[in-house]
Amino acid sequence: MSRALLRPRITALVLWLVFVASCLAVVARSHFTADLTAFLPKTPTAEQQLLVDQLKDGVVSRLILVGIEGGDAATRATLSKALGASLRQDKQFSAVANGESVGLERDRELLFAHRYALSPAVTPERFSEAGLHDAIAESIDLLASPAGLLLKSLLTRDPTGEIVQLLGQLDSGQRPPSSHGVWASRNGDRALLVVQTNAAGADTDAQETAITTLRQAFSAAQEQVGTATARDARVVMTGPGVFSVSSRATIKEEVARLSLISTGLIATLLLLIYRSLPALVLGLLPVASAALAGVAAVSLGFGLVHGITLGFGTTLIGEAVDYAIYLFVQSENRNQGNTADSSGADTGWVKAFWPTIRLGVLTSVCGFAALLFSGFPGLAQLGLYSIAGLLAAALITRYVLPYLLPRNFRIRDVTPLGLRLAGLIAFAPRLRWPLILLSVAALAVITQHHDRLWSRELGVLSPVAAADQQLDTELRADLGAPDVRYLVVVSASDSEAALQQAERVGRRLDALVEEGELAGYESPARYLPSTATQARRLASLPEADELRRRLAVAVADQPLRAERLAPFIADVEAARRQPPLALADLEGSSLALAVDSMLVRHQEAGQPDRVTALLPLKAPRSGPHANAVDVARIKAALAEEQTASPQAAILLVDMKGEMENLYASYLHEAILLSLAGVGVIVALLTATLRSARRVGQILAPLFGAVVTVTAGLLLAGQQLTILHLIGLLLIVAVGSNYALFFNQGALAPRTLASIFLANLTTVAGFGVLGLSSVPILIAIGATVGPGVVLALLFSAILAQRRPA
């Protein structure tokens, strides 16, 4: 081979290797995630920001709900106790609850030592002679009740029953039933645990480690028990972290499996066509390069790659391989045994076909470029991946692949196939009127279903299996997990101000509870009152001598002698001298966990610190608003408080509503961006072709394919999601190549064959998505697979029969 031929080959090979090595270096350091919060907006509203924070780092995102199934009740309880004991020793978990009293000593000590600062019942009136009389009389009456077991041992130190008041206030939530000393499901078939991780729910790696640790601890517990029934038991888990980890694993497996199947199908198809192993290998180079370029570009642009983006990337195999097919099949010089030019490239193919392919690539890039402007990082990732992948595949096909082809490179002559296709296409114009009628019928279907055209549920994007969602529902019902749909959010400059405002809002909510509008609510101030409130309560306590005098009067007619209450007087005097309880004092108790989950500090560079208090609302179980919250009534009460405290920032957030609004805005923006992309495509075609008629001829088959596929999905009972929209964009991207070729005029047989074969590989690439267990991948496959077939057929039917 002459030096003149060798130099461009070496240059092309070196450049390609440098490109691949650079992409591999970036991909090796890329972080992959399955966290759906990557698809949340980057500039959210205050309500959306709260939603994002809760999904990423809120206490609910850190919960793992655990069930132990199989065996008998006694064995499950033994395993629950052993598992709980093991996890409590592990620093990965901040709390482990299974109904045992283990670990509550610190809570009891705190509550008892600070009962006068924490109890809302402590007022000057309660410690008057009359107040003491009534409180002590009530405690004596309670001795005969189940609570008397606790009160009896504490009567001389706590005759006013403050600890009972506190426990009643803090333990008002629904608790699961107990069996053999641990929590059990309502039907008794599962032992239950609630585990909270120290790691944020969005930290998928840490969540995976915690889940692995939990499984290992359960296996160790089985070994420890050692019975046959213990070995028959199994552990099940749900929760945001569990879903995130399982989703990532599912997407990884699906991507690997589908990529393998797609590659196998396409390789087999190409081998049958080419009858040349070198051609097969060389034809896959643009595909591999496109995948690497897409992942590297997303990693560099966003810092992480979402699994959905990666899964979407497998679909590009079907389109990226088209360019090499066009090159191999359409290169007349090589397939006729002629030599290429002095550089080794087929200049005939470049002149005859590259402008059309380049325009097709630019059309696709314009369509996906609109997604780059999305305020939702996940959507922008899909756009960047597509643009980088398509550009890499096309440019490598044009500028690298021709120089890598051997001088005697030749593939099977597909002219006979092209001739047969030409014969069929000759009849295609007869189908124009049926096509027009089909498009009109499709538009009628879309119009008829316009009110339910788009799905408004963000959950449809979730890769979580239906069985896992059902398990989550069951465990939440068994554990009485809180409904955090409605939150009152109070923001202030520091913790003390936030707690004071939470207390004022709490008084408004107390009135609604009394009216039956709410079943209750949670508040961080319930576990850690503001310093001002604690000081006011402690100031209610009389000095020792005065308390002794009042007690003598208060118990004069009661069966409890004042002399026995010396421990009570000492405790009250000690409480008077105590400093207010601070957040740091709660460390090591479940109270700290409760406060941390509802009192959130926000620290952002360049912004003053803010503290947010979250007050989850509980809907009433009966009455006119059973199982629902009267939002208007709550907002009216909060508006009154806002007027009374104009410096406060009070917000009622409907988490489910915000999620629906978020997805609606997500979808609305994606539709607008897609329409903008179509506008740019029209402008590009107009500027290039300088003929409105030709632009219309190119867009008509694409429009027909899009509306027909949309109508088909609707008739099949499908509502469109954001992934269907991406699929429709792909129909335009892939189909534009067909429309552009057919718009050139009469096509040579080999050109027809190349378009047909490219369509086959594209359908094979997207068709395998139908085998996926991930709904979003199925959505893309069900949209693009039939869509590109229709785009090819419609392009042939509507093609103008001009001379080539």
Foldseek 3Di string as FASTA:
>chain_A
DDPLQVVLQVVLVVVLVVLLVVLVVLLVPFAEFAQCLLQFFPDDDPQSVVLSCCCWFFQQLQKKKKKKFFFALQLQVLLLVQLQVVVVVDQQFPDKAWQACPLCPLVVVVCVLQLLLQFPVQALVCLFLQNVLVLLVVLVVCCPPPCVVVCVVCCLQCSSCSSVRLCCVVVVADAFDDDNRTHAFPVRRIRIMMIGGPHTSRPLVSLVVVVVVSQVSSVVSLVVVPDPRSVRMDMDIDGSSVLRNVQLVQLVVQLVVLLVQLLVVLLVLVCVFFVDPVLSVLLCSLLVSLLSQLLSQLCVVPVHHYSVLSSVSLLCSLVLSLLSLLQQLVLVCLQVVHFDDSNQANVVCCVPPVVLVVLLLVLLLLLLVLQCPDSGSNSNSNSSSVNRSSVSSNCCSVSNSSSNADRNDYGDHCLVVLVVVLVVLVCLQVCPVVLVVLLVVLVVLCVVCVVQQADLDPCLQRQRDPVSVVVVVSSCVSRVPDDQQKKKKWKDQDDLVQLVLQVVLQVLVVVCCVVQLFVHKDWLCSLAHHQVSSLNSLVSQDQLVVSLVSVCSSCVPPPDHSVSNPSNSVSSNVNNVDRGDDLVSCPSHVSNVSNPSFWDWDDDPPDRIMIMGIMGTHGDCDDPQHRHHPVVVSVVSVVVSCVVVVVMDIDMHRSSVVSSVSQVVSQVSLVVSSVVSVVVSLVSCCVVVVDPVLSCLLCVLLSSLLSSLSSVCVVVVHHDGSLLVVLSSVLSSSLSSLLSQLQVADDRSSSSVSNVSSLVSSLSSLCCLCVRSRSSSVSSSSRNNSSNVSSNSSSSNSRDHDDD
